[in-house]
């Protein structure tokens, strides 16, 4: 939104209008990292409590989240955006999992690799959709 307005005002300064594809370029960086990956990551993790966000460094860390349907298990996720370009290798997701063993004690448990891969896929798909919307919009 802010990016589109800024680019639109720049277009008014020149002799001809910027094409819409410029506005939705893969490298949108009003923050320190790719804006589509950043927004998609925040939207994907919106159901989890956030512990830390740094848009310049591209880091999102959630606090522990337990699904109400499975309160004996909880997850914590961190997302790192490594580049200003919208690329699959510009995103790193890590997850921790704990299970309750009774008496309020939690112990580390393995996270299935498919879980992390699924989160990355969801974020990347959402980022591409945001980019497509910006082009069409």
Protein backbone atom coordinates (compact mmCIF):
# COMPACT_ATOMS: atom_id res chain seq x y z
CA UNK A 1 0.00 0.00 0.00
CA UNK A 2 2.70 2.46 1.05
CA UNK A 3 4.97 1.07 -1.65
CA UNK A 4 2.32 1.52 -4.32
CA UNK A 5 1.65 5.10 -3.22
CA UNK A 6 5.36 5.93 -3.19
CA UNK A 7 5.92 4.45 -6.63
CA UNK A 8 2.80 6.13 -8.00
CA UNK A 9 4.06 9.51 -6.81
CA UNK A 10 7.44 8.82 -8.43
CA UNK A 11 5.65 7.98 -11.66
CA UNK A 12 3.94 11.35 -11.62
CA UNK A 13 7.34 13.06 -11.56
CA UNK A 14 8.51 11.44 -14.79
CA UNK A 15 7.27 11.79 -18.33
CA UNK A 16 5.36 8.53 -18.46
CA UNK A 17 3.52 6.35 -15.98
CA UNK A 18 5.25 3.33 -14.47
CA UNK A 19 3.90 -0.04 -15.54
CA UNK A 20 2.03 -2.00 -12.86
CA UNK A 21 4.64 -4.75 -12.99
CA UNK A 22 7.19 -2.28 -11.55
CA UNK A 23 4.97 -1.67 -8.53
CA UNK A 24 4.77 -5.40 -7.79
CA UNK A 25 8.39 -6.24 -8.52
CA UNK A 26 9.91 -9.22 -6.77
CA UNK A 27 12.18 -6.82 -4.87
CA UNK A 28 9.93 -4.61 -2.77
CA UNK A 29 11.94 -3.30 0.15
CA UNK A 30 10.42 -0.40 2.07
CA UNK A 31 11.55 -2.52 5.02
CA UNK A 32 14.87 -4.35 5.25
CA UNK A 33 13.57 -7.51 3.59
CA UNK A 34 11.14 -8.56 0.86
CA UNK A 35 7.78 -7.04 1.81
CA UNK A 36 5.73 -9.89 0.32
CA UNK A 37 7.63 -12.53 2.30
CA UNK A 38 7.37 -10.40 5.44
CA UNK A 39 3.62 -9.86 5.17
CA UNK A 40 2.98 -13.49 4.19
CA UNK A 41 5.00 -14.70 7.17
CA UNK A 42 3.09 -12.48 9.60
CA UNK A 43 -0.26 -13.56 8.14
CA UNK A 44 0.68 -17.24 8.25
CA UNK A 45 1.74 -17.05 11.90
CA UNK A 46 -1.04 -14.69 12.99
CA UNK A 47 -2.70 -17.38 15.13
CA UNK A 48 0.44 -17.69 17.28
CA UNK A 49 1.55 -15.14 19.89
CA UNK A 50 4.51 -13.13 18.60
CA UNK A 51 7.57 -12.78 20.82
CA UNK A 52 9.82 -10.76 18.50
CA UNK A 53 9.53 -9.09 15.10
CA UNK A 54 12.26 -7.20 13.29
CA UNK A 55 11.30 -6.07 9.80
CA UNK A 56 14.78 -4.71 9.06
CA UNK A 57 16.53 -7.92 10.05
CA UNK A 58 13.73 -10.12 8.72
CA UNK A 59 13.17 -12.09 11.92
CA UNK A 60 9.86 -13.27 13.38
CA UNK A 61 9.84 -15.38 16.55
CA UNK A 62 6.66 -16.72 18.08
CA UNK A 63 6.05 -17.69 21.66
CA UNK A 64 4.87 -21.19 22.53
CA UNK A 65 1.49 -22.07 21.05
CA UNK A 66 -0.65 -25.05 22.02
CA UNK A 67 -3.51 -26.04 19.75
CA UNK A 68 -6.67 -26.15 21.90
CA UNK A 69 -7.47 -29.55 20.36
CA UNK A 70 -4.10 -30.92 21.52
CA UNK A 71 -3.06 -29.03 24.68
CA UNK A 72 -0.36 -31.59 25.58
CA UNK A 73 1.79 -30.38 22.68
CA UNK A 74 3.13 -26.92 21.91
CA UNK A 75 5.14 -25.34 19.11
CA UNK A 76 7.40 -22.35 18.74
CA UNK A 77 8.37 -21.04 15.28
CA UNK A 78 11.00 -18.67 13.97
CA UNK A 79 11.05 -17.28 10.45
CA UNK A 80 14.08 -15.59 8.96
CA UNK A 81 13.90 -13.74 5.66
CA UNK A 82 17.38 -13.77 4.19
CA UNK A 83 17.07 -11.63 1.08
CA UNK A 84 15.26 -8.71 -0.49
CA UNK A 85 14.10 -10.84 -3.42
CA UNK A 86 11.00 -13.03 -3.49
CA UNK A 87 12.74 -16.41 -3.81
CA UNK A 88 12.31 -19.76 -2.10
CA UNK A 89 15.85 -19.70 -0.74
CA UNK A 90 15.25 -16.29 0.84
CA UNK A 91 13.14 -17.90 3.57
CA UNK A 92 14.18 -20.06 6.50
CA UNK A 93 11.66 -21.54 8.94
CA UNK A 94 12.64 -23.33 12.13
CA UNK A 95 10.32 -24.93 14.67
CA UNK A 96 10.59 -26.34 18.16
CA UNK A 97 8.11 -28.74 19.69
CA UNK A 98 7.49 -29.79 23.26
CA UNK A 99 5.16 -32.31 24.80
CA UNK A 100 3.73 -32.31 28.31
CA UNK A 101 4.84 -35.18 30.52
CA UNK A 102 2.73 -34.27 33.54
CA UNK A 103 3.06 -31.93 36.47
CA UNK A 104 3.47 -28.92 34.20
CA UNK A 105 6.74 -30.27 32.79
CA UNK A 106 7.48 -29.93 29.10
CA UNK A 107 10.15 -31.90 27.25
CA UNK A 108 11.65 -31.35 23.82
CA UNK A 109 10.24 -33.52 21.05
CA UNK A 110 11.22 -33.85 17.40
CA UNK A 111 9.51 -31.74 14.77
CA UNK A 112 8.62 -33.54 11.57
CA UNK A 113 10.55 -32.10 8.62
CA UNK A 114 7.28 -32.00 6.70
CA UNK A 115 5.90 -29.49 9.23
CA UNK A 116 8.64 -26.95 8.53
CA UNK A 117 8.41 -27.57 4.78
CA UNK A 118 4.64 -27.07 4.87
CA UNK A 119 5.02 -23.74 6.69
CA UNK A 120 7.60 -22.57 4.14
CA UNK A 121 5.30 -23.59 1.29
CA UNK A 122 2.35 -21.75 2.82
CA UNK A 123 4.40 -18.56 3.29
CA UNK A 124 5.86 -18.67 -0.22
CA UNK A 125 2.46 -19.34 -1.81
CA UNK A 126 0.91 -16.47 0.15
CA UNK A 127 3.78 -14.13 -0.81
CA UNK A 128 3.31 -14.97 -4.49
CA UNK A 129 -0.44 -14.35 -4.16
CA UNK A 130 0.24 -10.95 -2.56
CA UNK A 131 2.56 -10.09 -5.43
CA UNK A 132 -0.01 -11.20 -8.03
CA UNK A 133 -2.68 -9.10 -6.29
CA UNK A 134 -0.41 -6.07 -6.40
CA UNK A 135 0.15 -6.56 -10.14
CA UNK A 136 -3.57 -7.04 -10.86
CA UNK A 137 -4.67 -4.31 -8.46
